[in-house]
Amino acid sequence: MSNPYINAPIRARMYTTTLHKVTWVVVVVVSAGLLAPPLFFIAAKKRVVTMAVPAVYAAVIYGSAVLGSVLGNPKNWVGGVLAITMIIAAVHAAILDTDWKPGR
């Protein structure tokens, strides 16, 4: 019989150093949010977030870019969507590891 506390997977730490954290946040901002889904996919693989998070970011970021090119962009809505998503992704990337404690 297995104990769920002993056999539970250990949640890995998302960032090893502060420089690592700053690098990821800067990469998300510089890429205008286009590299947010890979960041959150890595976080999902480390079990920091669920797998739905990178899927939602990918759908919003890449979906708005594709829809903007297919439907046209008469009122510049794609830029606004990408800017808002980039800000949300950067803040989310910055707070990913705030509840991590050693020995967890």
PDB file of N, CA and C in Angstrom:
ATOM      1  N   MET A   1       0.848  -1.178   0.000  1.00  0.00           N
ATOM      2  CA  MET A   1       0.000   0.000   0.000  1.00  0.00           C
ATOM      3  C   MET A   1       0.892   1.239   0.000  1.00  0.00           C
ATOM      4  N   SER A   2       0.565   2.179  -0.850  1.00  0.00           N
ATOM      5  CA  SER A   2       1.419   3.356  -0.985  1.00  0.00           C
ATOM      6  C   SER A   2       0.811   4.541  -0.238  1.00  0.00           C
ATOM      7  N   ASN A   3       1.676   5.327   0.285  1.00  0.00           N
ATOM      8  CA  ASN A   3       1.277   6.520   1.004  1.00  0.00           C
ATOM      9  C   ASN A   3       1.266   7.696   0.028  1.00  0.00           C
ATOM     10  N   PRO A   4       0.160   8.447  -0.082  1.00  0.00           N
ATOM     11  CA  PRO A   4       0.122   9.555  -1.044  1.00  0.00           C
ATOM     12  C   PRO A   4       1.095  10.678  -0.710  1.00  0.00           C
ATOM     13  N   TYR A   5       1.490  10.804   0.534  1.00  0.00           N
ATOM     14  CA  TYR A   5       2.430  11.854   0.901  1.00  0.00           C
ATOM     15  C   TYR A   5       3.866  11.476   0.542  1.00  0.00           C
ATOM     16  N   ILE A   6       4.166  10.194   0.624  1.00  0.00           N
ATOM     17  CA  ILE A   6       5.511   9.741   0.279  1.00  0.00           C
ATOM     18  C   ILE A   6       5.682   9.660  -1.234  1.00  0.00           C
ATOM     19  N   ASN A   7       4.668   9.189  -1.938  1.00  0.00           N
ATOM     20  CA  ASN A   7       4.764   8.988  -3.378  1.00  0.00           C
ATOM     21  C   ASN A   7       4.353  10.214  -4.198  1.00  0.00           C
ATOM     22  N   ALA A   8       3.987  11.297  -3.542  1.00  0.00           N
ATOM     23  CA  ALA A   8       3.563  12.503  -4.261  1.00  0.00           C
ATOM     24  C   ALA A   8       4.748  13.107  -5.007  1.00  0.00           C
ATOM     25  N   PRO A   9       4.521  13.596  -6.218  1.00  0.00           N
ATOM     26  CA  PRO A   9       5.630  14.212  -6.956  1.00  0.00           C
ATOM     27  C   PRO A   9       6.066  15.515  -6.291  1.00  0.00           C
ATOM     28  N   ILE A  10       7.342  15.745  -6.314  1.00  0.00           N
ATOM     29  CA  ILE A  10       7.888  16.970  -5.742  1.00  0.00           C
ATOM     30  C   ILE A  10       7.778  18.072  -6.788  1.00  0.00           C
ATOM     31  N   ARG A  11       7.231  19.183  -6.388  1.00  0.00           N
ATOM     32  CA  ARG A  11       7.098  20.306  -7.308  1.00  0.00           C
ATOM     33  C   ARG A  11       8.438  20.998  -7.448  1.00  0.00           C
ATOM     34  N   ALA A  12       8.910  21.085  -8.665  1.00  0.00           N
ATOM     35  CA  ALA A  12      10.204  21.701  -8.921  1.00  0.00           C
ATOM     36  C   ALA A  12      10.091  23.224  -8.823  1.00  0.00           C
ATOM     37  N   ARG A  13      11.194  23.830  -8.513  1.00  0.00           N
ATOM     38  CA  ARG A  13      11.234  25.284  -8.466  1.00  0.00           C
ATOM     39  C   ARG A  13      11.312  25.828  -9.883  1.00  0.00           C
ATOM     40  N   MET A  14      10.541  26.859 -10.178  1.00  0.00           N
ATOM     41  CA  MET A  14      10.497  27.405 -11.530  1.00  0.00           C
ATOM     42  C   MET A  14      11.783  28.138 -11.883  1.00  0.00           C
ATOM     43  N   TYR A  15      12.242  28.992 -11.012  1.00  0.00           N
ATOM     44  CA  TYR A  15      13.442  29.783 -11.281  1.00  0.00           C
ATOM     45  C   TYR A  15      14.515  29.406 -10.269  1.00  0.00           C
ATOM     46  N   THR A  16      15.763  29.248 -10.751  1.00  0.00           N
ATOM     47  CA  THR A  16      16.841  28.893  -9.835  1.00  0.00           C
ATOM     48  C   THR A  16      17.475  30.123  -9.195  1.00  0.00           C
ATOM     49  N   THR A  17      17.540  31.221  -9.943  1.00  0.00           N
ATOM     50  CA  THR A  17      18.122  32.455  -9.415  1.00  0.00           C
ATOM     51  C   THR A  17      17.252  33.641  -9.822  1.00  0.00           C
ATOM     52  N   THR A  18      17.545  34.769  -9.240  1.00  0.00           N
ATOM     53  CA  THR A  18      16.821  35.985  -9.600  1.00  0.00           C
ATOM     54  C   THR A  18      17.134  36.388 -11.038  1.00  0.00           C
ATOM     55  N   LEU A  19      18.373  36.161 -11.480  1.00  0.00           N
ATOM     56  CA  LEU A  19      18.744  36.470 -12.856  1.00  0.00           C
ATOM     57  C   LEU A  19      17.926  35.625 -13.840  1.00  0.00           C
ATOM     58  N   HIS A  20      17.700  34.384 -13.497  1.00  0.00           N
ATOM     59  CA  HIS A  20      16.877  33.496 -14.327  1.00  0.00           C
ATOM     60  C   HIS A  20      15.456  34.038 -14.446  1.00  0.00           C
ATOM     61  N   LYS A  21      14.907  34.503 -13.348  1.00  0.00           N
ATOM     62  CA  LYS A  21      13.562  35.081 -13.346  1.00  0.00           C
ATOM     63  C   LYS A  21      13.498  36.349 -14.192  1.00  0.00           C
ATOM     64  N   VAL A  22      14.460  37.239 -14.002  1.00  0.00           N
ATOM     65  CA  VAL A  22      14.492  38.489 -14.758  1.00  0.00           C
ATOM     66  C   VAL A  22      14.641  38.200 -16.249  1.00  0.00           C
ATOM     67  N   THR A  23      15.470  37.229 -16.593  1.00  0.00           N
ATOM     68  CA  THR A  23      15.673  36.876 -18.002  1.00  0.00           C
ATOM     69  C   THR A  23      14.376  36.431 -18.640  1.00  0.00           C
ATOM     70  N   TRP A  24      13.612  35.555 -17.966  1.00  0.00           N
ATOM     71  CA  TRP A  24      12.348  35.077 -18.532  1.00  0.00           C
ATOM     72  C   TRP A  24      11.340  36.216 -18.695  1.00  0.00           C
ATOM     73  N   VAL A  25      11.245  37.092 -17.725  1.00  0.00           N
ATOM     74  CA  VAL A  25      10.292  38.203 -17.819  1.00  0.00           C
ATOM     75  C   VAL A  25      10.686  39.145 -18.948  1.00  0.00           C
ATOM     76  N   VAL A  26      11.968  39.437 -19.081  1.00  0.00           N
ATOM     77  CA  VAL A  26      12.440  40.311 -20.157  1.00  0.00           C
ATOM     78  C   VAL A  26      12.200  39.664 -21.523  1.00  0.00           C
ATOM     79  N   VAL A  27      12.420  38.357 -21.635  1.00  0.00           N
ATOM     80  CA  VAL A  27      12.185  37.662 -22.903  1.00  0.00           C
ATOM     81  C   VAL A  27      10.712  37.744 -23.293  1.00  0.00           C
ATOM     82  N   VAL A  28       9.812  37.592 -22.329  1.00  0.00           N
ATOM     83  CA  VAL A  28       8.375  37.707 -22.628  1.00  0.00           C
ATOM     84  C   VAL A  28       8.041  39.112 -23.108  1.00  0.00           C
ATOM     85  N   VAL A  29       8.614  40.119 -22.479  1.00  0.00           N
ATOM     86  CA  VAL A  29       8.320  41.503 -22.866  1.00  0.00           C
ATOM     87  C   VAL A  29       8.943  41.837 -24.214  1.00  0.00           C
ATOM     88  N   VAL A  30      10.198  41.479 -24.429  1.00  0.00           N
ATOM     89  CA  VAL A  30      10.885  41.812 -25.679  1.00  0.00           C
ATOM     90  C   VAL A  30      10.242  41.100 -26.871  1.00  0.00           C
ATOM     91  N   SER A  31       9.759  39.877 -26.663  1.00  0.00           N
ATOM     92  CA  SER A  31       9.124  39.144 -27.766  1.00  0.00           C
ATOM     93  C   SER A  31       7.665  39.547 -27.952  1.00  0.00           C
ATOM     94  N   ALA A  32       7.220  40.563 -27.245  1.00  0.00           N
ATOM     95  CA  ALA A  32       5.834  41.052 -27.317  1.00  0.00           C
ATOM     96  C   ALA A  32       4.850  39.958 -26.939  1.00  0.00           C
ATOM     97  N   GLY A  33       5.234  39.092 -26.033  1.00  0.00           N
ATOM     98  CA  GLY A  33       4.343  38.040 -25.554  1.00  0.00           C
ATOM     99  C   GLY A  33       4.346  36.781 -26.386  1.00  0.00           C
ATOM    100  N   LEU A  34       5.038  36.781 -27.528  1.00  0.00           N
ATOM    101  CA  LEU A  34       5.016  35.601 -28.391  1.00  0.00           C
ATOM    102  C   LEU A  34       5.729  34.396 -27.779  1.00  0.00           C
ATOM    103  N   LEU A  35       6.641  34.630 -26.843  1.00  0.00           N
ATOM    104  CA  LEU A  35       7.324  33.516 -26.184  1.00  0.00           C
ATOM    105  C   LEU A  35       6.720  33.180 -24.819  1.00  0.00           C
ATOM    106  N   ALA A  36       5.559  33.709 -24.518  1.00  0.00           N
ATOM    107  CA  ALA A  36       4.901  33.370 -23.254  1.00  0.00           C
ATOM    108  C   ALA A  36       4.429  31.915 -23.220  1.00  0.00           C
ATOM    109  N   PRO A  37       3.815  31.373 -24.277  1.00  0.00           N
ATOM    110  CA  PRO A  37       3.383  29.971 -24.207  1.00  0.00           C
ATOM    111  C   PRO A  37       4.510  28.975 -23.922  1.00  0.00           C
ATOM    112  N   PRO A  38       5.711  29.109 -24.540  1.00  0.00           N
ATOM    113  CA  PRO A  38       6.773  28.170 -24.163  1.00  0.00           C
ATOM    114  C   PRO A  38       7.193  28.285 -22.698  1.00  0.00           C
ATOM    115  N   LEU A  39       7.224  29.512 -22.159  1.00  0.00           N
ATOM    116  CA  LEU A  39       7.561  29.688 -20.741  1.00  0.00           C
ATOM    117  C   LEU A  39       6.564  28.948 -19.865  1.00  0.00           C
ATOM    118  N   PHE A  40       5.281  29.123 -20.159  1.00  0.00           N
ATOM    119  CA  PHE A  40       4.270  28.490 -19.320  1.00  0.00           C
ATOM    120  C   PHE A  40       4.157  26.997 -19.588  1.00  0.00           C
ATOM    121  N   PHE A  41       4.600  26.531 -20.764  1.00  0.00           N
ATOM    122  CA  PHE A  41       4.673  25.093 -21.001  1.00  0.00           C
ATOM    123  C   PHE A  41       5.744  24.476 -20.109  1.00  0.00           C
ATOM    124  N   ILE A  42       6.883  25.159 -19.992  1.00  0.00           N
ATOM    125  CA  ILE A  42       7.940  24.681 -19.091  1.00  0.00           C
ATOM    126  C   ILE A  42       7.436  24.687 -17.654  1.00  0.00           C
ATOM    127  N   ALA A  43       6.711  25.735 -17.271  1.00  0.00           N
ATOM    128  CA  ALA A  43       6.143  25.787 -15.920  1.00  0.00           C
ATOM    129  C   ALA A  43       5.137  24.661 -15.702  1.00  0.00           C
ATOM    130  N   ALA A  44       4.378  24.318 -16.724  1.00  0.00           N
ATOM    131  CA  ALA A  44       3.415  23.212 -16.604  1.00  0.00           C
ATOM    132  C   ALA A  44       4.135  21.880 -16.475  1.00  0.00           C
ATOM    133  N   LYS A  45       5.234  21.708 -17.202  1.00  0.00           N
ATOM    134  CA  LYS A  45       6.005  20.471 -17.080  1.00  0.00           C
ATOM    135  C   LYS A  45       6.620  20.339 -15.694  1.00  0.00           C
ATOM    136  N   LYS A  46       6.942  21.469 -15.057  1.00  0.00           N
ATOM    137  CA  LYS A  46       7.475  21.454 -13.690  1.00  0.00           C
ATOM    138  C   LYS A  46       6.362  21.426 -12.650  1.00  0.00           C
ATOM    139  N   ARG A  47       5.116  21.385 -13.101  1.00  0.00           N
ATOM    140  CA  ARG A  47       3.926  21.345 -12.254  1.00  0.00           C
ATOM    141  C   ARG A  47       3.746  22.603 -11.408  1.00  0.00           C
ATOM    142  N   VAL A  48       4.182  23.735 -11.942  1.00  0.00           N
ATOM    143  CA  VAL A  48       3.977  25.011 -11.265  1.00  0.00           C
ATOM    144  C   VAL A  48       2.596  25.548 -11.619  1.00  0.00           C
ATOM    145  N   VAL A  49       2.167  25.336 -12.869  1.00  0.00           N
ATOM    146  CA  VAL A  49       0.829  25.704 -13.326  1.00  0.00           C
ATOM    147  C   VAL A  49       0.224  24.497 -14.038  1.00  0.00           C
ATOM    148  N   THR A  50      -1.075  24.570 -14.321  1.00  0.00           N
ATOM    149  CA  THR A  50      -1.715  23.477 -15.044  1.00  0.00           C
ATOM    150  C   THR A  50      -1.422  23.592 -16.539  1.00  0.00           C
ATOM    151  N   MET A  51      -1.679  22.523 -17.269  1.00  0.00           N
ATOM    152  CA  MET A  51      -1.438  22.523 -18.712  1.00  0.00           C
ATOM    153  C   MET A  51      -2.393  23.453 -19.455  1.00  0.00           C
ATOM    154  N   ALA A  52      -3.464  23.869 -18.824  1.00  0.00           N
ATOM    155  CA  ALA A  52      -4.413  24.768 -19.476  1.00  0.00           C
ATOM    156  C   ALA A  52      -3.829  26.168 -19.654  1.00  0.00           C
ATOM    157  N   VAL A  53      -2.916  26.572 -18.804  1.00  0.00           N
ATOM    158  CA  VAL A  53      -2.360  27.926 -18.871  1.00  0.00           C
ATOM    159  C   VAL A  53      -1.601  28.172 -20.174  1.00  0.00           C
ATOM    160  N   PRO A  54      -0.642  27.306 -20.576  1.00  0.00           N
ATOM    161  CA  PRO A  54       0.020  27.579 -21.861  1.00  0.00           C
ATOM    162  C   PRO A  54      -0.935  27.462 -23.039  1.00  0.00           C
ATOM    163  N   ALA A  55      -1.942  26.610 -22.930  1.00  0.00           N
ATOM    164  CA  ALA A  55      -2.919  26.481 -24.018  1.00  0.00           C
ATOM    165  C   ALA A  55      -3.721  27.774 -24.181  1.00  0.00           C
ATOM    166  N   VAL A  56      -4.113  28.379 -23.081  1.00  0.00           N
ATOM    167  CA  VAL A  56      -4.878  29.635 -23.146  1.00  0.00           C
ATOM    168  C   VAL A  56      -4.008  30.760 -23.706  1.00  0.00           C
ATOM    169  N   TYR A  57      -2.758  30.862 -23.215  1.00  0.00           N
ATOM    170  CA  TYR A  57      -1.863  31.899 -23.735  1.00  0.00           C
ATOM    171  C   TYR A  57      -1.631  31.705 -25.231  1.00  0.00           C
ATOM    172  N   ALA A  58      -1.397  30.472 -25.666  1.00  0.00           N
ATOM    173  CA  ALA A  58      -1.165  30.208 -27.093  1.00  0.00           C
ATOM    174  C   ALA A  58      -2.400  30.550 -27.919  1.00  0.00           C
ATOM    175  N   ALA A  59      -3.575  30.189 -27.426  1.00  0.00           N
ATOM    176  CA  ALA A  59      -4.804  30.475 -28.166  1.00  0.00           C
ATOM    177  C   ALA A  59      -5.028  31.977 -28.299  1.00  0.00           C
ATOM    178  N   VAL A  60      -4.796  32.721 -27.243  1.00  0.00           N
ATOM    179  CA  VAL A  60      -5.022  34.171 -27.294  1.00  0.00           C
ATOM    180  C   VAL A  60      -3.962  34.857 -28.154  1.00  0.00           C
ATOM    181  N   ILE A  61      -2.690  34.532 -27.925  1.00  0.00           N
ATOM    182  CA  ILE A  61      -1.609  35.230 -28.625  1.00  0.00           C
ATOM    183  C   ILE A  61      -1.577  34.861 -30.108  1.00  0.00           C
ATOM    184  N   TYR A  62      -1.466  33.568 -30.390  1.00  0.00           N
ATOM    185  CA  TYR A  62      -1.340  33.156 -31.791  1.00  0.00           C
ATOM    186  C   TYR A  62      -2.679  33.253 -32.511  1.00  0.00           C
ATOM    187  N   GLY A  63      -3.771  33.014 -31.800  1.00  0.00           N
ATOM    188  CA  GLY A  63      -5.087  33.125 -32.418  1.00  0.00           C
ATOM    189  C   GLY A  63      -5.416  34.546 -32.844  1.00  0.00           C
ATOM    190  N   SER A  64      -5.076  35.523 -32.012  1.00  0.00           N
ATOM    191  CA  SER A  64      -5.351  36.910 -32.387  1.00  0.00           C
ATOM    192  C   SER A  64      -4.477  37.346 -33.550  1.00  0.00           C
ATOM    193  N   ALA A  65      -3.246  36.867 -33.598  1.00  0.00           N
ATOM    194  CA  ALA A  65      -2.375  37.222 -34.726  1.00  0.00           C
ATOM    195  C   ALA A  65      -2.891  36.613 -36.026  1.00  0.00           C
ATOM    196  N   VAL A  66      -3.332  35.364 -35.977  1.00  0.00           N
ATOM    197  CA  VAL A  66      -3.866  34.716 -37.185  1.00  0.00           C
ATOM    198  C   VAL A  66      -5.183  35.355 -37.604  1.00  0.00           C
ATOM    199  N   LEU A  67      -6.066  35.597 -36.646  1.00  0.00           N
ATOM    200  CA  LEU A  67      -7.343  36.233 -36.982  1.00  0.00           C
ATOM    201  C   LEU A  67      -7.137  37.641 -37.540  1.00  0.00           C
ATOM    202  N   GLY A  68      -6.174  38.352 -36.998  1.00  0.00           N
ATOM    203  CA  GLY A  68      -5.890  39.693 -37.505  1.00  0.00           C
ATOM    204  C   GLY A  68      -5.402  39.677 -38.939  1.00  0.00           C
ATOM    205  N   SER A  69      -4.629  38.658 -39.290  1.00  0.00           N
ATOM    206  CA  SER A  69      -4.153  38.589 -40.669  1.00  0.00           C
ATOM    207  C   SER A  69      -5.225  38.062 -41.616  1.00  0.00           C
ATOM    208  N   VAL A  70      -6.113  37.206 -41.127  1.00  0.00           N
ATOM    209  CA  VAL A  70      -7.180  36.658 -41.978  1.00  0.00           C
ATOM    210  C   VAL A  70      -8.315  37.664 -42.149  1.00  0.00           C
ATOM    211  N   LEU A  71      -8.773  38.239 -41.044  1.00  0.00           N
ATOM    212  CA  LEU A  71      -9.923  39.147 -41.088  1.00  0.00           C
ATOM    213  C   LEU A  71      -9.538  40.585 -41.405  1.00  0.00           C
ATOM    214  N   GLY A  72      -8.304  40.895 -41.271  1.00  0.00           N
ATOM    215  CA  GLY A  72      -7.880  42.286 -41.429  1.00  0.00           C
ATOM    216  C   GLY A  72      -7.813  42.952 -40.066  1.00  0.00           C
ATOM    217  N   ASN A  73      -7.220  44.088 -40.031  1.00  0.00           N
ATOM    218  CA  ASN A  73      -7.003  44.778 -38.763  1.00  0.00           C
ATOM    219  C   ASN A  73      -7.390  46.248 -38.914  1.00  0.00           C
ATOM    220  N   PRO A  74      -8.665  46.543 -39.203  1.00  0.00           N
ATOM    221  CA  PRO A  74      -9.039  47.928 -39.504  1.00  0.00           C
ATOM    222  C   PRO A  74      -8.927  48.881 -38.319  1.00  0.00           C
ATOM    223  N   LYS A  75      -9.163  48.418 -37.121  1.00  0.00           N
ATOM    224  CA  LYS A  75      -9.117  49.325 -35.963  1.00  0.00           C
ATOM    225  C   LYS A  75      -7.927  49.019 -35.047  1.00  0.00           C
ATOM    226  N   ASN A  76      -6.952  48.283 -35.564  1.00  0.00           N
ATOM    227  CA  ASN A  76      -5.739  47.941 -34.826  1.00  0.00           C
ATOM    228  C   ASN A  76      -6.031  47.213 -33.522  1.00  0.00           C
ATOM    229  N   TRP A  77      -6.948  46.279 -33.541  1.00  0.00           N
ATOM    230  CA  TRP A  77      -7.298  45.541 -32.332  1.00  0.00           C
ATOM    231  C   TRP A  77      -6.261  44.481 -31.980  1.00  0.00           C
ATOM    232  N   VAL A  78      -5.516  43.987 -32.974  1.00  0.00           N
ATOM    233  CA  VAL A  78      -4.522  42.945 -32.695  1.00  0.00           C
ATOM    234  C   VAL A  78      -3.410  43.497 -31.808  1.00  0.00           C
ATOM    235  N   GLY A  79      -2.963  44.709 -32.080  1.00  0.00           N
ATOM    236  CA  GLY A  79      -1.916  45.313 -31.257  1.00  0.00           C
ATOM    237  C   GLY A  79      -2.351  45.481 -29.816  1.00  0.00           C
ATOM    238  N   GLY A  80      -3.591  45.876 -29.615  1.00  0.00           N
ATOM    239  CA  GLY A  80      -4.118  46.024 -28.254  1.00  0.00           C
ATOM    240  C   GLY A  80      -4.214  44.699 -27.529  1.00  0.00           C
ATOM    241  N   VAL A  81      -4.696  43.680 -28.219  1.00  0.00           N
ATOM    242  CA  VAL A  81      -4.803  42.344 -27.607  1.00  0.00           C
ATOM    243  C   VAL A  81      -3.422  41.821 -27.248  1.00  0.00           C
ATOM    244  N   LEU A  82      -2.464  41.954 -28.158  1.00  0.00           N
ATOM    245  CA  LEU A  82      -1.109  41.471 -27.874  1.00  0.00           C
ATOM    246  C   LEU A  82      -0.447  42.268 -26.754  1.00  0.00           C
ATOM    247  N   ALA A  83      -0.683  43.570 -26.686  1.00  0.00           N
ATOM    248  CA  ALA A  83      -0.087  44.386 -25.619  1.00  0.00           C
ATOM    249  C   ALA A  83      -0.656  44.004 -24.257  1.00  0.00           C
ATOM    250  N   ILE A  84      -1.959  43.840 -24.177  1.00  0.00           N
ATOM    251  CA  ILE A  84      -2.581  43.449 -22.904  1.00  0.00           C
ATOM    252  C   ILE A  84      -2.132  42.055 -22.500  1.00  0.00           C
ATOM    253  N   THR A  85      -2.083  41.129 -23.453  1.00  0.00           N
ATOM    254  CA  THR A  85      -1.648  39.770 -23.146  1.00  0.00           C
ATOM    255  C   THR A  85      -0.185  39.752 -22.724  1.00  0.00           C
ATOM    256  N   MET A  86       0.647  40.585 -23.348  1.00  0.00           N
ATOM    257  CA  MET A  86       2.054  40.654 -22.970  1.00  0.00           C
ATOM    258  C   MET A  86       2.210  41.147 -21.534  1.00  0.00           C
ATOM    259  N   ILE A  87       1.445  42.162 -21.160  1.00  0.00           N
ATOM    260  CA  ILE A  87       1.525  42.683 -19.791  1.00  0.00           C
ATOM    261  C   ILE A  87       1.082  41.624 -18.791  1.00  0.00           C
ATOM    262  N   ILE A  88      -0.019  40.948 -19.082  1.00  0.00           N
ATOM    263  CA  ILE A  88      -0.509  39.895 -18.186  1.00  0.00           C
ATOM    264  C   ILE A  88       0.502  38.759 -18.083  1.00  0.00           C
ATOM    265  N   ALA A  89       1.073  38.355 -19.218  1.00  0.00           N
ATOM    266  CA  ALA A  89       2.047  37.259 -19.214  1.00  0.00           C
ATOM    267  C   ALA A  89       3.313  37.638 -18.446  1.00  0.00           C
ATOM    268  N   ALA A  90       3.762  38.878 -18.573  1.00  0.00           N
ATOM    269  CA  ALA A  90       4.968  39.311 -17.861  1.00  0.00           C
ATOM    270  C   ALA A  90       4.736  39.328 -16.350  1.00  0.00           C
ATOM    271  N   VAL A  91       3.593  39.828 -15.934  1.00  0.00           N
ATOM    272  CA  VAL A  91       3.281  39.828 -14.500  1.00  0.00           C
ATOM    273  C   VAL A  91       3.126  38.396 -13.994  1.00  0.00           C
ATOM    274  N   HIS A  92       2.444  37.556 -14.770  1.00  0.00           N
ATOM    275  CA  HIS A  92       2.269  36.164 -14.382  1.00  0.00           C
ATOM    276  C   HIS A  92       3.615  35.447 -14.297  1.00  0.00           C
ATOM    277  N   ALA A  93       4.516  35.716 -15.240  1.00  0.00           N
ATOM    278  CA  ALA A  93       5.842  35.105 -15.204  1.00  0.00           C
ATOM    279  C   ALA A  93       6.632  35.582 -13.991  1.00  0.00           C
ATOM    280  N   ALA A  94       6.438  36.830 -13.600  1.00  0.00           N
ATOM    281  CA  ALA A  94       7.179  37.375 -12.458  1.00  0.00           C
ATOM    282  C   ALA A  94       6.711  36.776 -11.134  1.00  0.00           C
ATOM    283  N   ILE A  95       5.436  36.393 -11.036  1.00  0.00           N
ATOM    284  CA  ILE A  95       4.928  35.882  -9.752  1.00  0.00           C
ATOM    285  C   ILE A  95       4.814  34.366  -9.722  1.00  0.00           C
ATOM    286  N   LEU A  96       5.362  33.662 -10.713  1.00  0.00           N
ATOM    287  CA  LEU A  96       5.224  32.208 -10.761  1.00  0.00           C
ATOM    288  C   LEU A  96       5.784  31.502  -9.534  1.00  0.00           C
ATOM    289  N   ASP A  97       6.895  31.956  -9.021  1.00  0.00           N
ATOM    290  CA  ASP A  97       7.586  31.221  -7.967  1.00  0.00           C
ATOM    291  C   ASP A  97       7.502  31.876  -6.601  1.00  0.00           C
ATOM    292  N   THR A  98       6.543  32.753  -6.375  1.00  0.00           N
ATOM    293  CA  THR A  98       6.517  33.501  -5.117  1.00  0.00           C
ATOM    294  C   THR A  98       6.115  32.643  -3.923  1.00  0.00           C
ATOM    295  N   ASP A  99       5.372  31.544  -4.148  1.00  0.00           N
ATOM    296  CA  ASP A  99       4.959  30.719  -3.010  1.00  0.00           C
ATOM    297  C   ASP A  99       5.870  29.532  -2.773  1.00  0.00           C
ATOM    298  N   TRP A 100       6.991  29.449  -3.491  1.00  0.00           N
ATOM    299  CA  TRP A 100       7.894  28.315  -3.339  1.00  0.00           C
ATOM    300  C   TRP A 100       8.656  28.411  -2.035  1.00  0.00           C
ATOM    301  N   LYS A 101       8.756  27.297  -1.330  1.00  0.00           N
ATOM    302  CA  LYS A 101       9.514  27.260  -0.074  1.00  0.00           C
ATOM    303  C   LYS A 101      10.469  26.079  -0.130  1.00  0.00           C
ATOM    304  N   PRO A 102      11.658  26.224   0.420  1.00  0.00           N
ATOM    305  CA  PRO A 102      12.617  25.110   0.407  1.00  0.00           C
ATOM    306  C   PRO A 102      12.030  23.877   1.107  1.00  0.00           C
ATOM    307  N   GLY A 103      12.347  22.727   0.601  1.00  0.00           N
ATOM    308  CA  GLY A 103      11.877  21.491   1.210  1.00  0.00           C
ATOM    309  C   GLY A 103      10.503  21.068   0.786  1.00  0.00           C
ATOM    310  N   ARG A 104       9.902  21.735  -0.162  1.00  0.00           N
ATOM    311  CA  ARG A 104       8.573  21.401  -0.631  1.00  0.00           C
ATOM    312  C   ARG A 104       8.621  20.474  -1.794  1.00  0.00           C
TER     313      ARG A 104
END
